[in-house]
Amino acid sequence: MDVLKLMQQAQAVQGRMQQMQEELGAKTVTGSAGGGLVKVEADGKGMIRAITLDPSVVKAEDVEMLEDLVVVAVADAQKKAAELAAEEMGKLTGGMGLPFKLPF
C-alpha cells in the first residue's frame, strides 16, 4: 500500500470530519416524551438547545413525573443525535474500506 496515498486519504478524511462536525452542530433533532408533552431540541452533536413543556404537565403535586419525562425526552434527543452522527459518519467513511470501525 502506498504510504503517501494513505496519508493523503487521512488528511482528506480529517478535513471532511471537521466539516461534518460543523454541519452536525447546525442540524437539529427533537426528542419527546409523554406523547409530545415534553420536547427537547438538541443539535446534531447532542447538545441541548431547548426544552418545551406542555402546561398540563407542570403540576406542583407531580414534580417527579415531570422530571422523569424530561429525562426520557433528553435521552431520546441524544439518541437521535447519535444516530444522525453515525449516519453522517457512514457517508464519510463508506467508500474507504477501513479495516476497523471508527470510535464515533
C-alpha atoms as a PDB file:
ATOM      1  CA  MET A   1       0.000   0.000   0.000  1.00  0.00           C
ATOM      2  CA  ASP A   2       1.307   3.450  -0.906  1.00  0.00           C
ATOM      3  CA  VAL A   3       2.058   5.375   2.317  1.00  0.00           C
ATOM      4  CA  LEU A   4       1.756   8.770   0.614  1.00  0.00           C
ATOM      5  CA  LYS A   5      -1.670   7.877  -0.730  1.00  0.00           C
ATOM      6  CA  LEU A   6      -2.722   6.662   2.705  1.00  0.00           C
ATOM      7  CA  MET A   7      -1.567   9.932   4.302  1.00  0.00           C
ATOM      8  CA  GLN A   8      -3.465  11.947   1.697  1.00  0.00           C
ATOM      9  CA  GLN A   9      -6.606   9.934   2.397  1.00  0.00           C
ATOM     10  CA  ALA A  10      -6.187  10.512   6.130  1.00  0.00           C
ATOM     11  CA  GLN A  11      -5.854  14.264   5.594  1.00  0.00           C
ATOM     12  CA  ALA A  12      -8.934  14.296   3.379  1.00  0.00           C
ATOM     13  CA  VAL A  13     -10.923  12.356   5.981  1.00  0.00           C
ATOM     14  CA  GLN A  14      -9.771  14.700   8.729  1.00  0.00           C
ATOM     15  CA  GLY A  15     -10.974  17.715   6.734  1.00  0.00           C
ATOM     16  CA  ARG A  16     -14.304  16.073   5.957  1.00  0.00           C
ATOM     17  CA  MET A  17     -14.734  15.060   9.606  1.00  0.00           C
ATOM     18  CA  GLN A  18     -14.209  18.643  10.740  1.00  0.00           C
ATOM     19  CA  GLN A  19     -16.763  19.820   8.179  1.00  0.00           C
ATOM     20  CA  MET A  20     -19.175  17.093   9.303  1.00  0.00           C
ATOM     21  CA  GLN A  21     -18.819  18.183  12.949  1.00  0.00           C
ATOM     22  CA  GLU A  22     -19.686  21.752  11.955  1.00  0.00           C
ATOM     23  CA  GLU A  23     -22.684  20.527   9.959  1.00  0.00           C
ATOM     24  CA  LEU A  24     -23.880  18.379  12.882  1.00  0.00           C
ATOM     25  CA  GLY A  25     -23.748  21.450  15.112  1.00  0.00           C
ATOM     26  CA  ALA A  26     -26.088  23.223  12.706  1.00  0.00           C
ATOM     27  CA  LYS A  27     -28.612  20.377  12.481  1.00  0.00           C
ATOM     28  CA  THR A  28     -31.491  19.907  14.914  1.00  0.00           C
ATOM     29  CA  VAL A  29     -33.111  16.795  16.367  1.00  0.00           C
ATOM     30  CA  THR A  30     -36.132  16.689  18.652  1.00  0.00           C
ATOM     31  CA  GLY A  31     -36.761  14.145  21.366  1.00  0.00           C
ATOM     32  CA  SER A  32     -40.070  13.810  23.128  1.00  0.00           C
ATOM     33  CA  ALA A  33     -41.816  12.038  25.980  1.00  0.00           C
ATOM     34  CA  GLY A  34     -45.337  11.734  27.270  1.00  0.00           C
ATOM     35  CA  GLY A  35     -46.840  11.774  23.807  1.00  0.00           C
ATOM     36  CA  GLY A  36     -45.172  15.089  22.990  1.00  0.00           C
ATOM     37  CA  LEU A  37     -45.968  16.808  26.290  1.00  0.00           C
ATOM     38  CA  VAL A  38     -42.230  17.264  26.882  1.00  0.00           C
ATOM     39  CA  LYS A  39     -39.970  18.087  23.934  1.00  0.00           C
ATOM     40  CA  VAL A  40     -36.213  18.510  23.881  1.00  0.00           C
ATOM     41  CA  GLU A  41     -34.398  20.125  20.989  1.00  0.00           C
ATOM     42  CA  ALA A  42     -30.715  19.310  20.531  1.00  0.00           C
ATOM     43  CA  ASP A  43     -28.121  19.894  17.878  1.00  0.00           C
ATOM     44  CA  GLY A  44     -26.641  17.014  15.909  1.00  0.00           C
ATOM     45  CA  LYS A  45     -23.870  16.690  18.496  1.00  0.00           C
ATOM     46  CA  GLY A  46     -26.410  16.070  21.264  1.00  0.00           C
ATOM     47  CA  MET A  47     -26.102  19.452  22.969  1.00  0.00           C
ATOM     48  CA  ILE A  48     -29.481  20.521  24.374  1.00  0.00           C
ATOM     49  CA  ARG A  49     -30.786  23.781  22.905  1.00  0.00           C
ATOM     50  CA  ALA A  50     -34.317  23.976  24.287  1.00  0.00           C
ATOM     51  CA  ILE A  51     -36.876  22.186  26.428  1.00  0.00           C
ATOM     52  CA  THR A  52     -40.588  22.740  25.850  1.00  0.00           C
ATOM     53  CA  LEU A  53     -43.155  21.700  28.446  1.00  0.00           C
ATOM     54  CA  ASP A  54     -46.878  21.464  27.808  1.00  0.00           C
ATOM     55  CA  PRO A  55     -48.569  23.446  30.614  1.00  0.00           C
ATOM     56  CA  SER A  56     -50.657  20.395  31.517  1.00  0.00           C
ATOM     57  CA  VAL A  57     -47.574  18.559  32.868  1.00  0.00           C
ATOM     58  CA  VAL A  58     -46.475  21.377  35.145  1.00  0.00           C
ATOM     59  CA  LYS A  59     -48.166  20.414  38.398  1.00  0.00           C
ATOM     60  CA  ALA A  60     -46.658  21.086  41.798  1.00  0.00           C
ATOM     61  CA  GLU A  61     -48.061  17.829  43.161  1.00  0.00           C
ATOM     62  CA  ASP A  62     -46.412  15.722  40.443  1.00  0.00           C
ATOM     63  CA  VAL A  63     -42.885  17.081  40.004  1.00  0.00           C
ATOM     64  CA  GLU A  64     -41.414  13.570  39.924  1.00  0.00           C
ATOM     65  CA  MET A  65     -43.402  12.658  36.797  1.00  0.00           C
ATOM     66  CA  LEU A  66     -42.240  15.850  35.065  1.00  0.00           C
ATOM     67  CA  GLU A  67     -38.624  15.107  35.984  1.00  0.00           C
ATOM     68  CA  ASP A  68     -38.981  11.587  34.558  1.00  0.00           C
ATOM     69  CA  LEU A  69     -40.478  12.928  31.337  1.00  0.00           C
ATOM     70  CA  VAL A  70     -37.644  15.427  30.922  1.00  0.00           C
ATOM     71  CA  VAL A  71     -35.039  12.686  31.414  1.00  0.00           C
ATOM     72  CA  VAL A  72     -36.753  10.483  28.813  1.00  0.00           C
ATOM     73  CA  ALA A  73     -37.057  13.352  26.322  1.00  0.00           C
ATOM     74  CA  VAL A  74     -33.379  14.306  26.771  1.00  0.00           C
ATOM     75  CA  ALA A  75     -32.313  10.698  26.273  1.00  0.00           C
ATOM     76  CA  ASP A  76     -34.489  10.489  23.142  1.00  0.00           C
ATOM     77  CA  ALA A  77     -32.937  13.659  21.685  1.00  0.00           C
ATOM     78  CA  GLN A  78     -29.408  12.455  22.452  1.00  0.00           C
ATOM     79  CA  LYS A  79     -30.144   9.058  20.883  1.00  0.00           C
ATOM     80  CA  LYS A  80     -31.418  10.754  17.723  1.00  0.00           C
ATOM     81  CA  ALA A  81     -28.330  12.988  17.635  1.00  0.00           C
ATOM     82  CA  ALA A  82     -26.069   9.926  17.946  1.00  0.00           C
ATOM     83  CA  GLU A  83     -27.967   8.176  15.145  1.00  0.00           C
ATOM     84  CA  LEU A  84     -27.626  11.280  12.955  1.00  0.00           C
ATOM     85  CA  ALA A  85     -23.884  11.461  13.667  1.00  0.00           C
ATOM     86  CA  ALA A  86     -23.465   7.750  12.869  1.00  0.00           C
ATOM     87  CA  GLU A  87     -25.374   8.192   9.620  1.00  0.00           C
ATOM     88  CA  GLU A  88     -23.209  11.146   8.610  1.00  0.00           C
ATOM     89  CA  MET A  89     -20.043   9.258   9.588  1.00  0.00           C
ATOM     90  CA  GLY A  90     -21.185   6.327   7.440  1.00  0.00           C
ATOM     91  CA  LYS A  91     -21.438   8.674   4.477  1.00  0.00           C
ATOM     92  CA  LEU A  92     -17.942   9.944   5.201  1.00  0.00           C
ATOM     93  CA  THR A  93     -16.223   6.585   5.595  1.00  0.00           C
ATOM     94  CA  GLY A  94     -18.459   4.470   3.384  1.00  0.00           C
ATOM     95  CA  GLY A  95     -16.169   4.255   0.386  1.00  0.00           C
ATOM     96  CA  MET A  96     -12.892   3.969   2.224  1.00  0.00           C
ATOM     97  CA  GLY A  97     -12.933   0.293   3.097  1.00  0.00           C
ATOM     98  CA  LEU A  98     -11.435   0.786   6.543  1.00  0.00           C
ATOM     99  CA  PRO A  99     -10.415  -2.457   8.260  1.00  0.00           C
ATOM    100  CA  PHE A 100     -11.753  -1.117  11.589  1.00  0.00           C
ATOM    101  CA  LYS A 101     -14.702   0.870  12.892  1.00  0.00           C
ATOM    102  CA  LEU A 102     -14.112   4.471  13.930  1.00  0.00           C
ATOM    103  CA  PRO A 103     -14.945   5.213  17.593  1.00  0.00           C
ATOM    104  CA  PHE A 104     -17.600   7.884  16.903  1.00  0.00           C
END
